[in-house]
ModelCIF file with pLDDT and N, C-alpha, C, O atoms, coordinates in Angstrom:
data_MODEL
#
_entry.id   MODEL 
#
_entity.id                         1 
_entity.type                       polymer 
_entity.pdbx_number_of_molecules   1 
#
_entity_poly.entity_id                      1 
_entity_poly.type                           'polypeptide(L)' 
_entity_poly.nstd_linkage                   no 
_entity_poly.nstd_monomer                   no 
_entity_poly.pdbx_seq_one_letter_code       VFQSYALFPNLTAFENVAYGLRNKKISSKNIFSIVDEMFKMINLSDAK 
_entity_poly.pdbx_seq_one_letter_code_can   VFQSYALFPNLTAFENVAYGLRNKKISSKNIFSIVDEMFKMINLSDAK 
_entity_poly.pdbx_strand_id                 A 
#
loop_
_entity_poly_seq.entity_id 
_entity_poly_seq.num 
_entity_poly_seq.mon_id 
_entity_poly_seq.hetero 
1 1  VAL n 
1 2  PHE n 
1 3  GLN n 
1 4  SER n 
1 5  TYR n 
1 6  ALA n 
1 7  LEU n 
1 8  PHE n 
1 9  PRO n 
1 10 ASN n 
1 11 LEU n 
1 12 THR n 
1 13 ALA n 
1 14 PHE n 
1 15 GLU n 
1 16 ASN n 
1 17 VAL n 
1 18 ALA n 
1 19 TYR n 
1 20 GLY n 
1 21 LEU n 
1 22 ARG n 
1 23 ASN n 
1 24 LYS n 
1 25 LYS n 
1 26 ILE n 
1 27 SER n 
1 28 SER n 
1 29 LYS n 
1 30 ASN n 
1 31 ILE n 
1 32 PHE n 
1 33 SER n 
1 34 ILE n 
1 35 VAL n 
1 36 ASP n 
1 37 GLU n 
1 38 MET n 
1 39 PHE n 
1 40 LYS n 
1 41 MET n 
1 42 ILE n 
1 43 ASN n 
1 44 LEU n 
1 45 SER n 
1 46 ASP n 
1 47 ALA n 
1 48 LYS n 
#
_struct_asym.id          A 
_struct_asym.entity_id   1 
#
loop_
_ma_qa_metric.id 
_ma_qa_metric.mode 
_ma_qa_metric.name 
_ma_qa_metric.software_group_id 
_ma_qa_metric.type 
1 global pLDDT . pLDDT 
2 local  pLDDT . pLDDT 
#
_ma_qa_metric_global.metric_id      1 
_ma_qa_metric_global.metric_value   92.92 
_ma_qa_metric_global.model_id       1 
_ma_qa_metric_global.ordinal_id     1 
#
loop_
_ma_qa_metric_local.label_asym_id 
_ma_qa_metric_local.label_comp_id 
_ma_qa_metric_local.label_seq_id 
_ma_qa_metric_local.metric_id 
_ma_qa_metric_local.metric_value 
_ma_qa_metric_local.model_id 
_ma_qa_metric_local.ordinal_id 
A VAL 1  2 95.00 1 1  
A PHE 2  2 90.00 1 2  
A GLN 3  2 87.00 1 3  
A SER 4  2 86.00 1 4  
A TYR 5  2 85.00 1 5  
A ALA 6  2 87.00 1 6  
A LEU 7  2 94.00 1 7  
A PHE 8  2 95.00 1 8  
A PRO 9  2 96.00 1 9  
A ASN 10 2 97.00 1 10 
A LEU 11 2 97.00 1 11 
A THR 12 2 97.00 1 12 
A ALA 13 2 97.00 1 13 
A PHE 14 2 97.00 1 14 
A GLU 15 2 96.00 1 15 
A ASN 16 2 96.00 1 16 
A VAL 17 2 96.00 1 17 
A ALA 18 2 95.00 1 18 
A TYR 19 2 92.00 1 19 
A GLY 20 2 88.00 1 20 
A LEU 21 2 93.00 1 21 
A ARG 22 2 89.00 1 22 
A ASN 23 2 82.00 1 23 
A LYS 24 2 85.00 1 24 
A LYS 25 2 80.00 1 25 
A ILE 26 2 88.00 1 26 
A SER 27 2 90.00 1 27 
A SER 28 2 91.00 1 28 
A LYS 29 2 93.00 1 29 
A ASN 30 2 94.00 1 30 
A ILE 31 2 95.00 1 31 
A PHE 32 2 95.00 1 32 
A SER 33 2 96.00 1 33 
A ILE 34 2 96.00 1 34 
A VAL 35 2 96.00 1 35 
A ASP 36 2 96.00 1 36 
A GLU 37 2 95.00 1 37 
A MET 38 2 95.00 1 38 
A PHE 39 2 96.00 1 39 
A LYS 40 2 95.00 1 40 
A MET 41 2 95.00 1 41 
A ILE 42 2 94.00 1 42 
A ASN 43 2 93.00 1 43 
A LEU 44 2 95.00 1 44 
A SER 45 2 94.00 1 45 
A ASP 46 2 95.00 1 46 
A ALA 47 2 95.00 1 47 
A LYS 48 2 96.00 1 48 
#
loop_
_atom_site.group_PDB 
_atom_site.id 
_atom_site.type_symbol 
_atom_site.label_atom_id 
_atom_site.label_alt_id 
_atom_site.label_comp_id 
_atom_site.label_asym_id 
_atom_site.label_entity_id 
_atom_site.label_seq_id 
_atom_site.pdbx_PDB_ins_code 
_atom_site.Cartn_x 
_atom_site.Cartn_y 
_atom_site.Cartn_z 
_atom_site.occupancy 
_atom_site.B_iso_or_equiv 
_atom_site.pdbx_formal_charge 
_atom_site.auth_seq_id 
_atom_site.auth_comp_id 
_atom_site.auth_asym_id 
_atom_site.auth_atom_id 
_atom_site.pdbx_PDB_model_num 
ATOM 1   N N  . VAL A 1 1  ? 0.857   -1.181  0.000   1.00 95.00 ? 1  VAL A N  1 
ATOM 2   C CA . VAL A 1 1  ? 0.000   0.000   0.000   1.00 95.00 ? 1  VAL A CA 1 
ATOM 3   C C  . VAL A 1 1  ? 0.892   1.229   0.000   1.00 95.00 ? 1  VAL A C  1 
ATOM 4   O O  . VAL A 1 1  ? 1.788   1.360   0.834   1.00 95.00 ? 1  VAL A O  1 
ATOM 5   N N  . PHE A 1 2  ? 0.638   2.137   -0.951  1.00 90.00 ? 2  PHE A N  1 
ATOM 6   C CA . PHE A 1 2  ? 1.441   3.340   -1.092  1.00 90.00 ? 2  PHE A CA 1 
ATOM 7   C C  . PHE A 1 2  ? 0.720   4.550   -0.493  1.00 90.00 ? 2  PHE A C  1 
ATOM 8   O O  . PHE A 1 2  ? -0.476  4.501   -0.205  1.00 90.00 ? 2  PHE A O  1 
ATOM 9   N N  . GLN A 1 3  ? 1.459   5.608   -0.319  1.00 87.00 ? 3  GLN A N  1 
ATOM 10  C CA . GLN A 1 3  ? 0.898   6.880   0.158   1.00 87.00 ? 3  GLN A CA 1 
ATOM 11  C C  . GLN A 1 3  ? -0.169  7.404   -0.797  1.00 87.00 ? 3  GLN A C  1 
ATOM 12  O O  . GLN A 1 3  ? -1.154  8.005   -0.367  1.00 87.00 ? 3  GLN A O  1 
ATOM 13  N N  . SER A 1 4  ? 0.030   7.176   -2.089  1.00 86.00 ? 4  SER A N  1 
ATOM 14  C CA . SER A 1 4  ? -0.820  7.795   -3.120  1.00 86.00 ? 4  SER A CA 1 
ATOM 15  C C  . SER A 1 4  ? -2.055  6.980   -3.504  1.00 86.00 ? 4  SER A C  1 
ATOM 16  O O  . SER A 1 4  ? -2.745  7.325   -4.463  1.00 86.00 ? 4  SER A O  1 
ATOM 17  N N  . TYR A 1 5  ? -2.342  5.899   -2.763  1.00 85.00 ? 5  TYR A N  1 
ATOM 18  C CA . TYR A 1 5  ? -3.503  5.019   -2.999  1.00 85.00 ? 5  TYR A CA 1 
ATOM 19  C C  . TYR A 1 5  ? -3.338  4.170   -4.259  1.00 85.00 ? 5  TYR A C  1 
ATOM 20  O O  . TYR A 1 5  ? -3.508  2.952   -4.213  1.00 85.00 ? 5  TYR A O  1 
ATOM 21  N N  . ALA A 1 6  ? -3.007  4.812   -5.392  1.00 87.00 ? 6  ALA A N  1 
ATOM 22  C CA . ALA A 1 6  ? -2.757  4.108   -6.662  1.00 87.00 ? 6  ALA A CA 1 
ATOM 23  C C  . ALA A 1 6  ? -3.939  3.250   -7.106  1.00 87.00 ? 6  ALA A C  1 
ATOM 24  O O  . ALA A 1 6  ? -3.744  2.137   -7.596  1.00 87.00 ? 6  ALA A O  1 
ATOM 25  N N  . LEU A 1 7  ? -5.160  3.755   -6.940  1.00 94.00 ? 7  LEU A N  1 
ATOM 26  C CA . LEU A 1 7  ? -6.357  3.054   -7.404  1.00 94.00 ? 7  LEU A CA 1 
ATOM 27  C C  . LEU A 1 7  ? -6.612  3.383   -8.875  1.00 94.00 ? 7  LEU A C  1 
ATOM 28  O O  . LEU A 1 7  ? -6.236  4.449   -9.362  1.00 94.00 ? 7  LEU A O  1 
ATOM 29  N N  . PHE A 1 8  ? -7.260  2.442   -9.574  1.00 95.00 ? 8  PHE A N  1 
ATOM 30  C CA . PHE A 1 8  ? -7.644  2.699   -10.962 1.00 95.00 ? 8  PHE A CA 1 
ATOM 31  C C  . PHE A 1 8  ? -8.861  3.629   -10.958 1.00 95.00 ? 8  PHE A C  1 
ATOM 32  O O  . PHE A 1 8  ? -9.909  3.250   -10.434 1.00 95.00 ? 8  PHE A O  1 
ATOM 33  N N  . PRO A 1 9  ? -8.753  4.828   -11.524 1.00 96.00 ? 9  PRO A N  1 
ATOM 34  C CA . PRO A 1 9  ? -9.853  5.799   -11.436 1.00 96.00 ? 9  PRO A CA 1 
ATOM 35  C C  . PRO A 1 9  ? -11.098 5.381   -12.210 1.00 96.00 ? 9  PRO A C  1 
ATOM 36  O O  . PRO A 1 9  ? -12.200 5.829   -11.894 1.00 96.00 ? 9  PRO A O  1 
ATOM 37  N N  . ASN A 1 10 ? -10.933 4.517   -13.233 1.00 97.00 ? 10 ASN A N  1 
ATOM 38  C CA . ASN A 1 10 ? -12.061 4.122   -14.082 1.00 97.00 ? 10 ASN A CA 1 
ATOM 39  C C  . ASN A 1 10 ? -12.769 2.863   -13.586 1.00 97.00 ? 10 ASN A C  1 
ATOM 40  O O  . ASN A 1 10 ? -13.708 2.384   -14.222 1.00 97.00 ? 10 ASN A O  1 
ATOM 41  N N  . LEU A 1 11 ? -12.318 2.327   -12.447 1.00 97.00 ? 11 LEU A N  1 
ATOM 42  C CA . LEU A 1 11 ? -12.943 1.135   -11.872 1.00 97.00 ? 11 LEU A CA 1 
ATOM 43  C C  . LEU A 1 11 ? -13.605 1.475   -10.551 1.00 97.00 ? 11 LEU A C  1 
ATOM 44  O O  . LEU A 1 11 ? -13.131 2.335   -9.809  1.00 97.00 ? 11 LEU A O  1 
ATOM 45  N N  . THR A 1 12 ? -14.708 0.791   -10.262 1.00 97.00 ? 12 THR A N  1 
ATOM 46  C CA . THR A 1 12 ? -15.362 0.979   -8.963  1.00 97.00 ? 12 THR A CA 1 
ATOM 47  C C  . THR A 1 12 ? -14.446 0.452   -7.855  1.00 97.00 ? 12 THR A C  1 
ATOM 48  O O  . THR A 1 12 ? -13.455 -0.230  -8.119  1.00 97.00 ? 12 THR A O  1 
ATOM 49  N N  . ALA A 1 13 ? -14.795 0.780   -6.627  1.00 97.00 ? 13 ALA A N  1 
ATOM 50  C CA . ALA A 1 13 ? -14.027 0.282   -5.489  1.00 97.00 ? 13 ALA A CA 1 
ATOM 51  C C  . ALA A 1 13 ? -13.998 -1.247  -5.501  1.00 97.00 ? 13 ALA A C  1 
ATOM 52  O O  . ALA A 1 13 ? -12.960 -1.861  -5.253  1.00 97.00 ? 13 ALA A O  1 
ATOM 53  N N  . PHE A 1 14 ? -15.161 -1.855  -5.796  1.00 97.00 ? 14 PHE A N  1 
ATOM 54  C CA . PHE A 1 14 ? -15.239 -3.316  -5.854  1.00 97.00 ? 14 PHE A CA 1 
ATOM 55  C C  . PHE A 1 14 ? -14.277 -3.871  -6.896  1.00 97.00 ? 14 PHE A C  1 
ATOM 56  O O  . PHE A 1 14 ? -13.527 -4.807  -6.618  1.00 97.00 ? 14 PHE A O  1 
ATOM 57  N N  . GLU A 1 15 ? -14.296 -3.294  -8.099  1.00 96.00 ? 15 GLU A N  1 
ATOM 58  C CA . GLU A 1 15 ? -13.448 -3.807  -9.179  1.00 96.00 ? 15 GLU A CA 1 
ATOM 59  C C  . GLU A 1 15 ? -11.967 -3.540  -8.914  1.00 96.00 ? 15 GLU A C  1 
ATOM 60  O O  . GLU A 1 15 ? -11.114 -4.313  -9.350  1.00 96.00 ? 15 GLU A O  1 
ATOM 61  N N  . ASN A 1 16 ? -11.655 -2.461  -8.208  1.00 96.00 ? 16 ASN A N  1 
ATOM 62  C CA . ASN A 1 16 ? -10.263 -2.228  -7.821  1.00 96.00 ? 16 ASN A CA 1 
ATOM 63  C C  . ASN A 1 16 ? -9.748  -3.367  -6.946  1.00 96.00 ? 16 ASN A C  1 
ATOM 64  O O  . ASN A 1 16 ? -8.624  -3.839  -7.122  1.00 96.00 ? 16 ASN A O  1 
ATOM 65  N N  . VAL A 1 17 ? -10.578 -3.801  -6.005  1.00 96.00 ? 17 VAL A N  1 
ATOM 66  C CA . VAL A 1 17 ? -10.162 -4.886  -5.104  1.00 96.00 ? 17 VAL A CA 1 
ATOM 67  C C  . VAL A 1 17 ? -10.161 -6.228  -5.833  1.00 96.00 ? 17 VAL A C  1 
ATOM 68  O O  . VAL A 1 17 ? -9.310  -7.081  -5.577  1.00 96.00 ? 17 VAL A O  1 
ATOM 69  N N  . ALA A 1 18 ? -11.114 -6.408  -6.738  1.00 95.00 ? 18 ALA A N  1 
ATOM 70  C CA . ALA A 1 18 ? -11.237 -7.694  -7.454  1.00 95.00 ? 18 ALA A CA 1 
ATOM 71  C C  . ALA A 1 18 ? -10.223 -7.840  -8.578  1.00 95.00 ? 18 ALA A C  1 
ATOM 72  O O  . ALA A 1 18 ? -10.033 -8.941  -9.093  1.00 95.00 ? 18 ALA A O  1 
ATOM 73  N N  . TYR A 1 19 ? -9.570  -6.752  -8.968  1.00 92.00 ? 19 TYR A N  1 
ATOM 74  C CA . TYR A 1 19 ? -8.736  -6.731  -10.173 1.00 92.00 ? 19 TYR A CA 1 
ATOM 75  C C  . TYR A 1 19 ? -7.714  -7.871  -10.207 1.00 92.00 ? 19 TYR A C  1 
ATOM 76  O O  . TYR A 1 19 ? -7.592  -8.571  -11.213 1.00 92.00 ? 19 TYR A O  1 
ATOM 77  N N  . GLY A 1 20 ? -6.991  -8.051  -9.116  1.00 88.00 ? 20 GLY A N  1 
ATOM 78  C CA . GLY A 1 20 ? -5.954  -9.088  -9.096  1.00 88.00 ? 20 GLY A CA 1 
ATOM 79  C C  . GLY A 1 20 ? -6.500  -10.499 -9.153  1.00 88.00 ? 20 GLY A C  1 
ATOM 80  O O  . GLY A 1 20 ? -5.809  -11.417 -9.594  1.00 88.00 ? 20 GLY A O  1 
ATOM 81  N N  . LEU A 1 21 ? -7.734  -10.681 -8.709  1.00 93.00 ? 21 LEU A N  1 
ATOM 82  C CA . LEU A 1 21 ? -8.348  -12.013 -8.722  1.00 93.00 ? 21 LEU A CA 1 
ATOM 83  C C  . LEU A 1 21 ? -8.876  -12.384 -10.096 1.00 93.00 ? 21 LEU A C  1 
ATOM 84  O O  . LEU A 1 21 ? -9.033  -13.564 -10.409 1.00 93.00 ? 21 LEU A O  1 
ATOM 85  N N  . ARG A 1 22 ? -9.156  -11.363 -10.930 1.00 89.00 ? 22 ARG A N  1 
ATOM 86  C CA . ARG A 1 22 ? -9.714  -11.625 -12.256 1.00 89.00 ? 22 ARG A CA 1 
ATOM 87  C C  . ARG A 1 22 ? -8.738  -12.414 -13.136 1.00 89.00 ? 22 ARG A C  1 
ATOM 88  O O  . ARG A 1 22 ? -9.161  -13.151 -14.027 1.00 89.00 ? 22 ARG A O  1 
ATOM 89  N N  . ASN A 1 23 ? -7.440  -12.259 -12.888 1.00 82.00 ? 23 ASN A N  1 
ATOM 90  C CA . ASN A 1 23 ? -6.435  -12.943 -13.706 1.00 82.00 ? 23 ASN A CA 1 
ATOM 91  C C  . ASN A 1 23 ? -6.215  -14.389 -13.267 1.00 82.00 ? 23 ASN A C  1 
ATOM 92  O O  . ASN A 1 23 ? -5.464  -15.124 -13.907 1.00 82.00 ? 23 ASN A O  1 
ATOM 93  N N  . LYS A 1 24 ? -6.865  -14.797 -12.185 1.00 85.00 ? 24 LYS A N  1 
ATOM 94  C CA . LYS A 1 24 ? -6.738  -16.171 -11.708 1.00 85.00 ? 24 LYS A CA 1 
ATOM 95  C C  . LYS A 1 24 ? -7.987  -16.963 -12.099 1.00 85.00 ? 24 LYS A C  1 
ATOM 96  O O  . LYS A 1 24 ? -9.024  -16.397 -12.443 1.00 85.00 ? 24 LYS A O  1 
ATOM 97  N N  . LYS A 1 25 ? -7.858  -18.250 -12.038 1.00 80.00 ? 25 LYS A N  1 
ATOM 98  C CA . LYS A 1 25 ? -8.987  -19.105 -12.419 1.00 80.00 ? 25 LYS A CA 1 
ATOM 99  C C  . LYS A 1 25 ? -9.940  -19.257 -11.236 1.00 80.00 ? 25 LYS A C  1 
ATOM 100 O O  . LYS A 1 25 ? -10.083 -20.330 -10.650 1.00 80.00 ? 25 LYS A O  1 
ATOM 101 N N  . ILE A 1 26 ? -10.579 -18.143 -10.915 1.00 88.00 ? 26 ILE A N  1 
ATOM 102 C CA . ILE A 1 26 ? -11.537 -18.117 -9.813  1.00 88.00 ? 26 ILE A CA 1 
ATOM 103 C C  . ILE A 1 26 ? -12.891 -17.717 -10.386 1.00 88.00 ? 26 ILE A C  1 
ATOM 104 O O  . ILE A 1 26 ? -12.984 -16.774 -11.173 1.00 88.00 ? 26 ILE A O  1 
ATOM 105 N N  . SER A 1 27 ? -13.924 -18.425 -9.997  1.00 90.00 ? 27 SER A N  1 
ATOM 106 C CA . SER A 1 27 ? -15.256 -18.136 -10.532 1.00 90.00 ? 27 SER A CA 1 
ATOM 107 C C  . SER A 1 27 ? -15.741 -16.768 -10.065 1.00 90.00 ? 27 SER A C  1 
ATOM 108 O O  . SER A 1 27 ? -15.330 -16.274 -9.015  1.00 90.00 ? 27 SER A O  1 
ATOM 109 N N  . SER A 1 28 ? -16.616 -16.167 -10.857 1.00 91.00 ? 28 SER A N  1 
ATOM 110 C CA . SER A 1 28 ? -17.161 -14.849 -10.509 1.00 91.00 ? 28 SER A CA 1 
ATOM 111 C C  . SER A 1 28 ? -17.870 -14.897 -9.163  1.00 91.00 ? 28 SER A C  1 
ATOM 112 O O  . SER A 1 28 ? -17.806 -13.946 -8.384  1.00 91.00 ? 28 SER A O  1 
ATOM 113 N N  . LYS A 1 29 ? -18.552 -16.021 -8.893  1.00 93.00 ? 29 LYS A N  1 
ATOM 114 C CA . LYS A 1 29 ? -19.252 -16.170 -7.622  1.00 93.00 ? 29 LYS A CA 1 
ATOM 115 C C  . LYS A 1 29 ? -18.288 -16.123 -6.451  1.00 93.00 ? 29 LYS A C  1 
ATOM 116 O O  . LYS A 1 29 ? -18.550 -15.466 -5.444  1.00 93.00 ? 29 LYS A O  1 
ATOM 117 N N  . ASN A 1 30 ? -17.163 -16.828 -6.591  1.00 94.00 ? 30 ASN A N  1 
ATOM 118 C CA . ASN A 1 30 ? -16.160 -16.838 -5.515  1.00 94.00 ? 30 ASN A CA 1 
ATOM 119 C C  . ASN A 1 30 ? -15.469 -15.488 -5.373  1.00 94.00 ? 30 ASN A C  1 
ATOM 120 O O  . ASN A 1 30 ? -15.171 -15.049 -4.263  1.00 94.00 ? 30 ASN A O  1 
ATOM 121 N N  . ILE A 1 31 ? -15.217 -14.833 -6.503  1.00 95.00 ? 31 ILE A N  1 
ATOM 122 C CA . ILE A 1 31 ? -14.610 -13.499 -6.451  1.00 95.00 ? 31 ILE A CA 1 
ATOM 123 C C  . ILE A 1 31 ? -15.522 -12.552 -5.689  1.00 95.00 ? 31 ILE A C  1 
ATOM 124 O O  . ILE A 1 31 ? -15.066 -11.791 -4.835  1.00 95.00 ? 31 ILE A O  1 
ATOM 125 N N  . PHE A 1 32 ? -16.823 -12.601 -6.003  1.00 95.00 ? 32 PHE A N  1 
ATOM 126 C CA . PHE A 1 32 ? -17.763 -11.727 -5.306  1.00 95.00 ? 32 PHE A CA 1 
ATOM 127 C C  . PHE A 1 32 ? -17.747 -12.002 -3.815  1.00 95.00 ? 32 PHE A C  1 
ATOM 128 O O  . PHE A 1 32 ? -17.752 -11.071 -3.009  1.00 95.00 ? 32 PHE A O  1 
ATOM 129 N N  . SER A 1 33 ? -17.727 -13.276 -3.443  1.00 96.00 ? 33 SER A N  1 
ATOM 130 C CA . SER A 1 33 ? -17.737 -13.652 -2.027  1.00 96.00 ? 33 SER A CA 1 
ATOM 131 C C  . SER A 1 33 ? -16.481 -13.171 -1.310  1.00 96.00 ? 33 SER A C  1 
ATOM 132 O O  . SER A 1 33 ? -16.556 -12.636 -0.203  1.00 96.00 ? 33 SER A O  1 
ATOM 133 N N  . ILE A 1 34 ? -15.322 -13.364 -1.947  1.00 96.00 ? 34 ILE A N  1 
ATOM 134 C CA . ILE A 1 34 ? -14.042 -12.967 -1.340  1.00 96.00 ? 34 ILE A CA 1 
ATOM 135 C C  . ILE A 1 34 ? -13.969 -11.448 -1.174  1.00 96.00 ? 34 ILE A C  1 
ATOM 136 O O  . ILE A 1 34 ? -13.608 -10.945 -0.110  1.00 96.00 ? 34 ILE A O  1 
ATOM 137 N N  . VAL A 1 35 ? -14.317 -10.732 -2.237  1.00 96.00 ? 35 VAL A N  1 
ATOM 138 C CA . VAL A 1 35 ? -14.222 -9.269  -2.212  1.00 96.00 ? 35 VAL A CA 1 
ATOM 139 C C  . VAL A 1 35 ? -15.254 -8.690  -1.237  1.00 96.00 ? 35 VAL A C  1 
ATOM 140 O O  . VAL A 1 35 ? -14.978 -7.721  -0.530  1.00 96.00 ? 35 VAL A O  1 
ATOM 141 N N  . ASP A 1 36 ? -16.429 -9.289  -1.211  1.00 96.00 ? 36 ASP A N  1 
ATOM 142 C CA . ASP A 1 36 ? -17.465 -8.833  -0.287  1.00 96.00 ? 36 ASP A CA 1 
ATOM 143 C C  . ASP A 1 36 ? -16.983 -8.937  1.159   1.00 96.00 ? 36 ASP A C  1 
ATOM 144 O O  . ASP A 1 36 ? -17.236 -8.041  1.964   1.00 96.00 ? 36 ASP A O  1 
ATOM 145 N N  . GLU A 1 37 ? -16.293 -10.021 1.489   1.00 95.00 ? 37 GLU A N  1 
ATOM 146 C CA . GLU A 1 37 ? -15.748 -10.196 2.843   1.00 95.00 ? 37 GLU A CA 1 
ATOM 147 C C  . GLU A 1 37 ? -14.681 -9.150  3.149   1.00 95.00 ? 37 GLU A C  1 
ATOM 148 O O  . GLU A 1 37 ? -14.569 -8.676  4.279   1.00 95.00 ? 37 GLU A O  1 
ATOM 149 N N  . MET A 1 38 ? -13.897 -8.796  2.130   1.00 95.00 ? 38 MET A N  1 
ATOM 150 C CA . MET A 1 38 ? -12.858 -7.776  2.332   1.00 95.00 ? 38 MET A CA 1 
ATOM 151 C C  . MET A 1 38 ? -13.500 -6.427  2.655   1.00 95.00 ? 38 MET A C  1 
ATOM 152 O O  . MET A 1 38 ? -13.010 -5.703  3.521   1.00 95.00 ? 38 MET A O  1 
ATOM 153 N N  . PHE A 1 39 ? -14.572 -6.089  1.982   1.00 96.00 ? 39 PHE A N  1 
ATOM 154 C CA . PHE A 1 39 ? -15.246 -4.815  2.247   1.00 96.00 ? 39 PHE A CA 1 
ATOM 155 C C  . PHE A 1 39 ? -15.891 -4.798  3.632   1.00 96.00 ? 39 PHE A C  1 
ATOM 156 O O  . PHE A 1 39 ? -15.958 -3.754  4.281   1.00 96.00 ? 39 PHE A O  1 
ATOM 157 N N  . LYS A 1 40 ? -16.360 -5.954  4.073   1.00 95.00 ? 40 LYS A N  1 
ATOM 158 C CA . LYS A 1 40 ? -16.865 -6.040  5.446   1.00 95.00 ? 40 LYS A CA 1 
ATOM 159 C C  . LYS A 1 40 ? -15.735 -5.812  6.446   1.00 95.00 ? 40 LYS A C  1 
ATOM 160 O O  . LYS A 1 40 ? -15.914 -5.135  7.458   1.00 95.00 ? 40 LYS A O  1 
ATOM 161 N N  . MET A 1 41 ? -14.577 -6.384  6.152   1.00 95.00 ? 41 MET A N  1 
ATOM 162 C CA . MET A 1 41 ? -13.439 -6.273  7.058   1.00 95.00 ? 41 MET A CA 1 
ATOM 163 C C  . MET A 1 41 ? -12.974 -4.828  7.195   1.00 95.00 ? 41 MET A C  1 
ATOM 164 O O  . MET A 1 41 ? -12.571 -4.405  8.278   1.00 95.00 ? 41 MET A O  1 
ATOM 165 N N  . ILE A 1 42 ? -13.030 -4.056  6.085   1.00 94.00 ? 42 ILE A N  1 
ATOM 166 C CA . ILE A 1 42 ? -12.583 -2.654  6.145   1.00 94.00 ? 42 ILE A CA 1 
ATOM 167 C C  . ILE A 1 42 ? -13.732 -1.700  6.478   1.00 94.00 ? 42 ILE A C  1 
ATOM 168 O O  . ILE A 1 42 ? -13.575 -0.480  6.424   1.00 94.00 ? 42 ILE A O  1 
ATOM 169 N N  . ASN A 1 43 ? -14.880 -2.268  6.819   1.00 93.00 ? 43 ASN A N  1 
ATOM 170 C CA . ASN A 1 43 ? -16.059 -1.465  7.198   1.00 93.00 ? 43 ASN A CA 1 
ATOM 171 C C  . ASN A 1 43 ? -16.457 -0.465  6.115   1.00 93.00 ? 43 ASN A C  1 
ATOM 172 O O  . ASN A 1 43 ? -16.689 0.712   6.391   1.00 93.00 ? 43 ASN A O  1 
ATOM 173 N N  . LEU A 1 44 ? -16.533 -0.961  4.864   1.00 95.00 ? 44 LEU A N  1 
ATOM 174 C CA . LEU A 1 44 ? -16.826 -0.056  3.748   1.00 95.00 ? 44 LEU A CA 1 
ATOM 175 C C  . LEU A 1 44 ? -17.769 -0.717  2.742   1.00 95.00 ? 44 LEU A C  1 
ATOM 176 O O  . LEU A 1 44 ? -17.687 -0.444  1.544   1.00 95.00 ? 44 LEU A O  1 
ATOM 177 N N  . SER A 1 45 ? -18.655 -1.578  3.218   1.00 94.00 ? 45 SER A N  1 
ATOM 178 C CA . SER A 1 45 ? -19.537 -2.339  2.318   1.00 94.00 ? 45 SER A CA 1 
ATOM 179 C C  . SER A 1 45 ? -20.435 -1.445  1.473   1.00 94.00 ? 45 SER A C  1 
ATOM 180 O O  . SER A 1 45 ? -20.812 -1.815  0.362   1.00 94.00 ? 45 SER A O  1 
ATOM 181 N N  . ASP A 1 46 ? -20.777 -0.279  1.990   1.00 95.00 ? 46 ASP A N  1 
ATOM 182 C CA . ASP A 1 46 ? -21.689 0.602   1.250   1.00 95.00 ? 46 ASP A CA 1 
ATOM 183 C C  . ASP A 1 46 ? -20.992 1.389   0.144   1.00 95.00 ? 46 ASP A C  1 
ATOM 184 O O  . ASP A 1 46 ? -21.640 2.153   -0.570  1.00 95.00 ? 46 ASP A O  1 
ATOM 185 N N  . ALA A 1 47 ? -19.680 1.211   -0.006  1.00 95.00 ? 47 ALA A N  1 
ATOM 186 C CA . ALA A 1 47 ? -18.933 1.998   -1.003  1.00 95.00 ? 47 ALA A CA 1 
ATOM 187 C C  . ALA A 1 47 ? -18.469 1.163   -2.193  1.00 95.00 ? 47 ALA A C  1 
ATOM 188 O O  . ALA A 1 47 ? -17.707 1.650   -3.028  1.00 95.00 ? 47 ALA A O  1 
ATOM 189 N N  . LYS A 1 48 ? -18.914 -0.071  -2.276  1.00 96.00 ? 48 LYS A N  1 
ATOM 190 C CA . LYS A 1 48 ? -18.408 -0.972  -3.317  1.00 96.00 ? 48 LYS A CA 1 
ATOM 191 C C  . LYS A 1 48 ? -18.644 -0.457  -4.740  1.00 96.00 ? 48 LYS A C  1 
ATOM 192 O O  . LYS A 1 48 ? -18.266 -1.120  -5.706  1.00 96.00 ? 48 LYS A O  1 
#
């Protein structure tokens, strides 16, 4: 994690977090579940 955030401006918060998982052989359902849990952990579920 850098000082400058380095988020992709053209992607939603959800897609920014999911980006690295998209290149792996993980189903969309599992990606949604994993990323959803991450947003719960950072207390930001309403910002996905």
